[in-house]
Amino acid sequence: MIARHKLILQFQCIIEIILVLIMGKLLEIMSEERKMYPIKCSDCGTDSEVPFEPAADRPVYCKECLSKHRSGGPST
C-alpha cells in the first residue's frame, strides 16, 4: 500500500512538472509580438494591418469591413 502511495505521488510530481513546462511555453508564445503586414482594404481602401501575409489574388479587409462580411452585410 505504501509503495502504491509513493508511485501516485511520483506520478503527480511528473504531471505538475509537465504542466509547468506547458504553461511556460504557452506564456512565451502568447507574449511574442505578431508580425503585422500593411494592407489596403479591398472594400473601403483604408490603410490597415493584418497579422498574416496577404495573398495577391485574394481580397483583404480592414477590421470594420471584415466584420461586415462576416455578418453578411453589404460591402461599401
PDB file of N, CA and C in Angstrom:
ATOM      1  N   MET A   1       0.819  -1.190   0.000  1.00  0.00           N
ATOM      2  CA  MET A   1       0.000   0.000   0.000  1.00  0.00           C
ATOM      3  C   MET A   1       0.867   1.261   0.000  1.00  0.00           C
ATOM      4  N   ILE A   2       1.958   1.247   0.765  1.00  0.00           N
ATOM      5  CA  ILE A   2       2.867   2.394   0.831  1.00  0.00           C
ATOM      6  C   ILE A   2       3.553   2.584  -0.523  1.00  0.00           C
ATOM      7  N   ALA A   3       3.929   1.500  -1.185  1.00  0.00           N
ATOM      8  CA  ALA A   3       4.576   1.592  -2.497  1.00  0.00           C
ATOM      9  C   ALA A   3       3.624   2.224  -3.514  1.00  0.00           C
ATOM     10  N   ARG A   4       2.354   1.866  -3.446  1.00  0.00           N
ATOM     11  CA  ARG A   4       1.363   2.431  -4.359  1.00  0.00           C
ATOM     12  C   ARG A   4       1.215   3.929  -4.104  1.00  0.00           C
ATOM     13  N   HIS A   5       1.195   4.324  -2.837  1.00  0.00           N
ATOM     14  CA  HIS A   5       1.078   5.732  -2.474  1.00  0.00           C
ATOM     15  C   HIS A   5       2.286   6.519  -3.001  1.00  0.00           C
ATOM     16  N   LYS A   6       3.492   5.967  -2.869  1.00  0.00           N
ATOM     17  CA  LYS A   6       4.705   6.634  -3.377  1.00  0.00           C
ATOM     18  C   LYS A   6       4.644   6.762  -4.892  1.00  0.00           C
ATOM     19  N   LEU A   7       4.152   5.735  -5.554  1.00  0.00           N
ATOM     20  CA  LEU A   7       4.039   5.767  -7.002  1.00  0.00           C
ATOM     21  C   LEU A   7       3.058   6.859  -7.441  1.00  0.00           C
ATOM     22  N   ILE A   8       1.962   6.989  -6.746  1.00  0.00           N
ATOM     23  CA  ILE A   8       0.972   8.030  -7.052  1.00  0.00           C
ATOM     24  C   ILE A   8       1.585   9.419  -6.851  1.00  0.00           C
ATOM     25  N   LEU A   9       2.341   9.612  -5.764  1.00  0.00           N
ATOM     26  CA  LEU A   9       2.992  10.903  -5.512  1.00  0.00           C
ATOM     27  C   LEU A   9       4.010  11.234  -6.606  1.00  0.00           C
ATOM     28  N   GLN A  10       4.771  10.231  -7.047  1.00  0.00           N
ATOM     29  CA  GLN A  10       5.738  10.451  -8.119  1.00  0.00           C
ATOM     30  C   GLN A  10       5.023  10.833  -9.412  1.00  0.00           C
ATOM     31  N   PHE A  11       3.927  10.164  -9.689  1.00  0.00           N
ATOM     32  CA  PHE A  11       3.146  10.458 -10.878  1.00  0.00           C
ATOM     33  C   PHE A  11       2.598  11.884 -10.820  1.00  0.00           C
ATOM     34  N   GLN A  12       2.115  12.301  -9.661  1.00  0.00           N
ATOM     35  CA  GLN A  12       1.593  13.659  -9.500  1.00  0.00           C
ATOM     36  C   GLN A  12       2.696  14.691  -9.711  1.00  0.00           C
ATOM     37  N   CYS A  13       3.884  14.413  -9.226  1.00  0.00           N
ATOM     38  CA  CYS A  13       5.011  15.337  -9.422  1.00  0.00           C
ATOM     39  C   CYS A  13       5.360  15.463 -10.898  1.00  0.00           C
ATOM     40  N   ILE A  14       5.349  14.354 -11.602  1.00  0.00           N
ATOM     41  CA  ILE A  14       5.647  14.373 -13.034  1.00  0.00           C
ATOM     42  C   ILE A  14       4.595  15.193 -13.770  1.00  0.00           C
ATOM     43  N   ILE A  15       3.336  14.993 -13.426  1.00  0.00           N
ATOM     44  CA  ILE A  15       2.247  15.755 -14.055  1.00  0.00           C
ATOM     45  C   ILE A  15       2.414  17.246 -13.787  1.00  0.00           C
ATOM     46  N   GLU A  16       2.749  17.614 -12.563  1.00  0.00           N
ATOM     47  CA  GLU A  16       2.948  19.023 -12.222  1.00  0.00           C
ATOM     48  C   GLU A  16       4.092  19.630 -13.015  1.00  0.00           C
ATOM     49  N   ILE A  17       5.173  18.894 -13.183  1.00  0.00           N
ATOM     50  CA  ILE A  17       6.322  19.388 -13.959  1.00  0.00           C
ATOM     51  C   ILE A  17       5.911  19.601 -15.412  1.00  0.00           C
ATOM     52  N   ILE A  18       5.184  18.651 -15.969  1.00  0.00           N
ATOM     53  CA  ILE A  18       4.727  18.773 -17.364  1.00  0.00           C
ATOM     54  C   ILE A  18       3.826  19.992 -17.516  1.00  0.00           C
ATOM     55  N   LEU A  19       2.910  20.192 -16.586  1.00  0.00           N
ATOM     56  CA  LEU A  19       2.016  21.348 -16.654  1.00  0.00           C
ATOM     57  C   LEU A  19       2.777  22.663 -16.571  1.00  0.00           C
ATOM     58  N   VAL A  20       3.773  22.729 -15.713  1.00  0.00           N
ATOM     59  CA  VAL A  20       4.583  23.946 -15.593  1.00  0.00           C
ATOM     60  C   VAL A  20       5.305  24.228 -16.906  1.00  0.00           C
ATOM     61  N   LEU A  21       5.848  23.183 -17.531  1.00  0.00           N
ATOM     62  CA  LEU A  21       6.551  23.359 -18.810  1.00  0.00           C
ATOM     63  C   LEU A  21       5.585  23.815 -19.904  1.00  0.00           C
ATOM     64  N   ILE A  22       4.408  23.218 -19.955  1.00  0.00           N
ATOM     65  CA  ILE A  22       3.414  23.595 -20.959  1.00  0.00           C
ATOM     66  C   ILE A  22       2.963  25.035 -20.751  1.00  0.00           C
ATOM     67  N   MET A  23       2.673  25.410 -19.516  1.00  0.00           N
ATOM     68  CA  MET A  23       2.223  26.771 -19.235  1.00  0.00           C
ATOM     69  C   MET A  23       3.312  27.788 -19.574  1.00  0.00           C
ATOM     70  N   GLY A  24       4.552  27.448 -19.275  1.00  0.00           N
ATOM     71  CA  GLY A  24       5.661  28.344 -19.611  1.00  0.00           C
ATOM     72  C   GLY A  24       5.761  28.569 -21.110  1.00  0.00           C
ATOM     73  N   LYS A  25       5.611  27.499 -21.888  1.00  0.00           N
ATOM     74  CA  LYS A  25       5.678  27.615 -23.345  1.00  0.00           C
ATOM     75  C   LYS A  25       4.497  28.424 -23.870  1.00  0.00           C
ATOM     76  N   LEU A  26       3.303  28.202 -23.317  1.00  0.00           N
ATOM     77  CA  LEU A  26       2.137  28.968 -23.745  1.00  0.00           C
ATOM     78  C   LEU A  26       2.315  30.453 -23.465  1.00  0.00           C
ATOM     79  N   LEU A  27       2.832  30.782 -22.294  1.00  0.00           N
ATOM     80  CA  LEU A  27       3.062  32.191 -21.957  1.00  0.00           C
ATOM     81  C   LEU A  27       4.088  32.812 -22.892  1.00  0.00           C
ATOM     82  N   GLU A  28       5.110  32.039 -23.246  1.00  0.00           N
ATOM     83  CA  GLU A  28       6.137  32.520 -24.170  1.00  0.00           C
ATOM     84  C   GLU A  28       5.529  32.808 -25.539  1.00  0.00           C
ATOM     85  N   ILE A  29       4.699  31.896 -26.020  1.00  0.00           N
ATOM     86  CA  ILE A  29       4.058  32.067 -27.320  1.00  0.00           C
ATOM     87  C   ILE A  29       3.124  33.267 -27.297  1.00  0.00           C
ATOM     88  N   MET A  30       2.342  33.401 -26.231  1.00  0.00           N
ATOM     89  CA  MET A  30       1.364  34.478 -26.143  1.00  0.00           C
ATOM     90  C   MET A  30       2.023  35.845 -26.021  1.00  0.00           C
ATOM     91  N   SER A  31       3.219  35.900 -25.468  1.00  0.00           N
ATOM     92  CA  SER A  31       3.867  37.191 -25.268  1.00  0.00           C
ATOM     93  C   SER A  31       4.664  37.647 -26.482  1.00  0.00           C
ATOM     94  N   GLU A  32       4.876  36.750 -27.447  1.00  0.00           N
ATOM     95  CA  GLU A  32       5.608  37.141 -28.648  1.00  0.00           C
ATOM     96  C   GLU A  32       4.778  38.123 -29.459  1.00  0.00           C
ATOM     97  N   GLU A  33       5.451  39.118 -29.993  1.00  0.00           N
ATOM     98  CA  GLU A  33       4.746  40.088 -30.818  1.00  0.00           C
ATOM     99  C   GLU A  33       4.504  39.481 -32.194  1.00  0.00           C
ATOM    100  N   ARG A  34       3.305  39.709 -32.700  1.00  0.00           N
ATOM    101  CA  ARG A  34       2.967  39.199 -34.018  1.00  0.00           C
ATOM    102  C   ARG A  34       3.491  40.155 -35.080  1.00  0.00           C
ATOM    103  N   LYS A  35       3.975  39.580 -36.157  1.00  0.00           N
ATOM    104  CA  LYS A  35       4.389  40.401 -37.286  1.00  0.00           C
ATOM    105  C   LYS A  35       3.127  40.863 -37.993  1.00  0.00           C
ATOM    106  N   MET A  36       3.043  42.158 -38.234  1.00  0.00           N
ATOM    107  CA  MET A  36       1.877  42.732 -38.893  1.00  0.00           C
ATOM    108  C   MET A  36       2.269  43.147 -40.313  1.00  0.00           C
ATOM    109  N   TYR A  37       1.332  42.996 -41.230  1.00  0.00           N
ATOM    110  CA  TYR A  37       1.569  43.318 -42.632  1.00  0.00           C
ATOM    111  C   TYR A  37       0.634  44.452 -43.054  1.00  0.00           C
ATOM    112  N   PRO A  38       1.189  45.458 -43.717  1.00  0.00           N
ATOM    113  CA  PRO A  38       0.351  46.576 -44.161  1.00  0.00           C
ATOM    114  C   PRO A  38      -0.538  46.136 -45.330  1.00  0.00           C
ATOM    115  N   ILE A  39      -1.775  46.624 -45.337  1.00  0.00           N
ATOM    116  CA  ILE A  39      -2.717  46.310 -46.416  1.00  0.00           C
ATOM    117  C   ILE A  39      -3.533  47.544 -46.770  1.00  0.00           C
ATOM    118  N   LYS A  40      -4.172  47.492 -47.912  1.00  0.00           N
ATOM    119  CA  LYS A  40      -5.186  48.471 -48.289  1.00  0.00           C
ATOM    120  C   LYS A  40      -6.466  47.659 -48.406  1.00  0.00           C
ATOM    121  N   CYS A  41      -7.477  48.031 -47.618  1.00  0.00           N
ATOM    122  CA  CYS A  41      -8.732  47.292 -47.579  1.00  0.00           C
ATOM    123  C   CYS A  41      -9.340  47.186 -48.974  1.00  0.00           C
ATOM    124  N   SER A  42      -9.740  45.976 -49.335  1.00  0.00           N
ATOM    125  CA  SER A  42     -10.338  45.727 -50.654  1.00  0.00           C
ATOM    126  C   SER A  42     -11.705  46.373 -50.807  1.00  0.00           C
ATOM    127  N   ASP A  43     -12.366  46.709 -49.706  1.00  0.00           N
ATOM    128  CA  ASP A  43     -13.682  47.351 -49.775  1.00  0.00           C
ATOM    129  C   ASP A  43     -13.586  48.874 -49.720  1.00  0.00           C
ATOM    130  N   CYS A  44     -13.045  49.386 -48.630  1.00  0.00           N
ATOM    131  CA  CYS A  44     -13.098  50.842 -48.409  1.00  0.00           C
ATOM    132  C   CYS A  44     -11.801  51.568 -48.765  1.00  0.00           C
ATOM    133  N   GLY A  45     -10.716  50.822 -49.002  1.00  0.00           N
ATOM    134  CA  GLY A  45      -9.455  51.444 -49.387  1.00  0.00           C
ATOM    135  C   GLY A  45      -8.635  51.992 -48.234  1.00  0.00           C
ATOM    136  N   THR A  46      -9.090  51.774 -47.013  1.00  0.00           N
ATOM    137  CA  THR A  46      -8.368  52.243 -45.832  1.00  0.00           C
ATOM    138  C   THR A  46      -7.063  51.478 -45.664  1.00  0.00           C
ATOM    139  N   ASP A  47      -6.011  52.187 -45.269  1.00  0.00           N
ATOM    140  CA  ASP A  47      -4.753  51.530 -44.921  1.00  0.00           C
ATOM    141  C   ASP A  47      -4.922  50.878 -43.557  1.00  0.00           C
ATOM    142  N   SER A  48      -4.478  49.643 -43.436  1.00  0.00           N
ATOM    143  CA  SER A  48      -4.612  48.911 -42.182  1.00  0.00           C
ATOM    144  C   SER A  48      -3.480  47.898 -42.074  1.00  0.00           C
ATOM    145  N   GLU A  49      -3.548  47.046 -41.071  1.00  0.00           N
ATOM    146  CA  GLU A  49      -2.561  45.975 -40.877  1.00  0.00           C
ATOM    147  C   GLU A  49      -3.286  44.688 -40.536  1.00  0.00           C
ATOM    148  N   VAL A  50      -2.697  43.579 -40.957  1.00  0.00           N
ATOM    149  CA  VAL A  50      -3.233  42.263 -40.632  1.00  0.00           C
ATOM    150  C   VAL A  50      -2.099  41.378 -40.120  1.00  0.00           C
ATOM    151  N   PRO A  51      -2.421  40.375 -39.283  1.00  0.00           N
ATOM    152  CA  PRO A  51      -1.378  39.519 -38.700  1.00  0.00           C
ATOM    153  C   PRO A  51      -0.995  38.329 -39.579  1.00  0.00           C
ATOM    154  N   PHE A  52      -1.165  38.453 -40.884  1.00  0.00           N
ATOM    155  CA  PHE A  52      -0.786  37.399 -41.826  1.00  0.00           C
ATOM    156  C   PHE A  52      -0.336  38.055 -43.115  1.00  0.00           C
ATOM    157  N   GLU A  53       0.443  37.325 -43.880  1.00  0.00           N
ATOM    158  CA  GLU A  53       0.894  37.865 -45.154  1.00  0.00           C
ATOM    159  C   GLU A  53      -0.215  37.663 -46.187  1.00  0.00           C
ATOM    160  N   PRO A  54      -0.789  38.757 -46.685  1.00  0.00           N
ATOM    161  CA  PRO A  54      -1.907  38.612 -47.614  1.00  0.00           C
ATOM    162  C   PRO A  54      -1.455  38.053 -48.970  1.00  0.00           C
ATOM    163  N   ALA A  55      -2.328  37.267 -49.577  1.00  0.00           N
ATOM    164  CA  ALA A  55      -2.074  36.742 -50.915  1.00  0.00           C
ATOM    165  C   ALA A  55      -2.547  37.771 -51.935  1.00  0.00           C
ATOM    166  N   ALA A  56      -1.792  37.937 -53.001  1.00  0.00           N
ATOM    167  CA  ALA A  56      -2.105  38.950 -54.009  1.00  0.00           C
ATOM    168  C   ALA A  56      -3.414  38.656 -54.733  1.00  0.00           C
ATOM    169  N   ASP A  57      -3.804  37.392 -54.816  1.00  0.00           N
ATOM    170  CA  ASP A  57      -5.002  37.014 -55.576  1.00  0.00           C
ATOM    171  C   ASP A  57      -6.268  36.924 -54.727  1.00  0.00           C
ATOM    172  N   ARG A  58      -6.210  37.364 -53.470  1.00  0.00           N
ATOM    173  CA  ARG A  58      -7.380  37.287 -52.580  1.00  0.00           C
ATOM    174  C   ARG A  58      -7.653  38.644 -51.953  1.00  0.00           C
ATOM    175  N   PRO A  59      -8.921  38.991 -51.755  1.00  0.00           N
ATOM    176  CA  PRO A  59      -9.225  40.273 -51.114  1.00  0.00           C
ATOM    177  C   PRO A  59      -8.839  40.236 -49.639  1.00  0.00           C
ATOM    178  N   VAL A  60      -8.501  41.390 -49.108  1.00  0.00           N
ATOM    179  CA  VAL A  60      -8.182  41.511 -47.683  1.00  0.00           C
ATOM    180  C   VAL A  60      -8.884  42.756 -47.160  1.00  0.00           C
ATOM    181  N   TYR A  61      -9.421  42.652 -45.940  1.00  0.00           N
ATOM    182  CA  TYR A  61     -10.279  43.705 -45.415  1.00  0.00           C
ATOM    183  C   TYR A  61      -9.747  44.271 -44.111  1.00  0.00           C
ATOM    184  N   CYS A  62     -10.084  45.543 -43.856  1.00  0.00           N
ATOM    185  CA  CYS A  62      -9.797  46.149 -42.552  1.00  0.00           C
ATOM    186  C   CYS A  62     -10.752  45.520 -41.534  1.00  0.00           C
ATOM    187  N   LYS A  63     -10.561  45.824 -40.279  1.00  0.00           N
ATOM    188  CA  LYS A  63     -11.367  45.224 -39.216  1.00  0.00           C
ATOM    189  C   LYS A  63     -12.867  45.520 -39.390  1.00  0.00           C
ATOM    190  N   GLU A  64     -13.188  46.747 -39.731  1.00  0.00           N
ATOM    191  CA  GLU A  64     -14.592  47.124 -39.875  1.00  0.00           C
ATOM    192  C   GLU A  64     -15.256  46.393 -41.039  1.00  0.00           C
ATOM    193  N   CYS A  65     -14.601  46.368 -42.187  1.00  0.00           N
ATOM    194  CA  CYS A  65     -15.177  45.701 -43.360  1.00  0.00           C
ATOM    195  C   CYS A  65     -15.232  44.187 -43.172  1.00  0.00           C
ATOM    196  N   LEU A  66     -14.253  43.634 -42.483  1.00  0.00           N
ATOM    197  CA  LEU A  66     -14.267  42.197 -42.225  1.00  0.00           C
ATOM    198  C   LEU A  66     -15.480  41.821 -41.388  1.00  0.00           C
ATOM    199  N   SER A  67     -15.792  42.643 -40.383  1.00  0.00           N
ATOM    200  CA  SER A  67     -16.961  42.334 -39.561  1.00  0.00           C
ATOM    201  C   SER A  67     -18.248  42.430 -40.387  1.00  0.00           C
ATOM    202  N   LYS A  68     -18.295  43.348 -41.359  1.00  0.00           N
ATOM    203  CA  LYS A  68     -19.466  43.438 -42.247  1.00  0.00           C
ATOM    204  C   LYS A  68     -19.598  42.164 -43.085  1.00  0.00           C
ATOM    205  N   HIS A  69     -18.486  41.682 -43.617  1.00  0.00           N
ATOM    206  CA  HIS A  69     -18.506  40.468 -44.440  1.00  0.00           C
ATOM    207  C   HIS A  69     -18.905  39.250 -43.622  1.00  0.00           C
ATOM    208  N   ARG A  70     -18.430  39.186 -42.404  1.00  0.00           N
ATOM    209  CA  ARG A  70     -18.764  38.040 -41.544  1.00  0.00           C
ATOM    210  C   ARG A  70     -20.239  38.039 -41.153  1.00  0.00           C
ATOM    211  N   SER A  71     -20.805  39.230 -40.999  1.00  0.00           N
ATOM    212  CA  SER A  71     -22.219  39.302 -40.586  1.00  0.00           C
ATOM    213  C   SER A  71     -23.164  39.247 -41.787  1.00  0.00           C
ATOM    214  N   GLY A  72     -22.585  39.211 -42.980  1.00  0.00           N
ATOM    215  CA  GLY A  72     -23.408  39.123 -44.183  1.00  0.00           C
ATOM    216  C   GLY A  72     -23.918  40.457 -44.686  1.00  0.00           C
ATOM    217  N   GLY A  73     -23.377  41.550 -44.140  1.00  0.00           N
ATOM    218  CA  GLY A  73     -23.809  42.886 -44.552  1.00  0.00           C
ATOM    219  C   GLY A  73     -23.265  43.248 -45.924  1.00  0.00           C
ATOM    220  N   PRO A  74     -23.809  44.291 -46.529  1.00  0.00           N
ATOM    221  CA  PRO A  74     -23.334  44.713 -47.859  1.00  0.00           C
ATOM    222  C   PRO A  74     -21.960  45.347 -47.785  1.00  0.00           C
ATOM    223  N   SER A  75     -21.171  45.161 -48.833  1.00  0.00           N
ATOM    224  CA  SER A  75     -19.854  45.814 -48.872  1.00  0.00           C
ATOM    225  C   SER A  75     -20.036  47.232 -49.375  1.00  0.00           C
ATOM    226  N   THR A  76     -19.084  48.112 -49.005  1.00  0.00           N
ATOM    227  CA  THR A  76     -19.199  49.527 -49.377  1.00  0.00           C
ATOM    228  C   THR A  76     -18.480  49.787 -50.674  1.00  0.00           C
TER     229      THR A  76
END
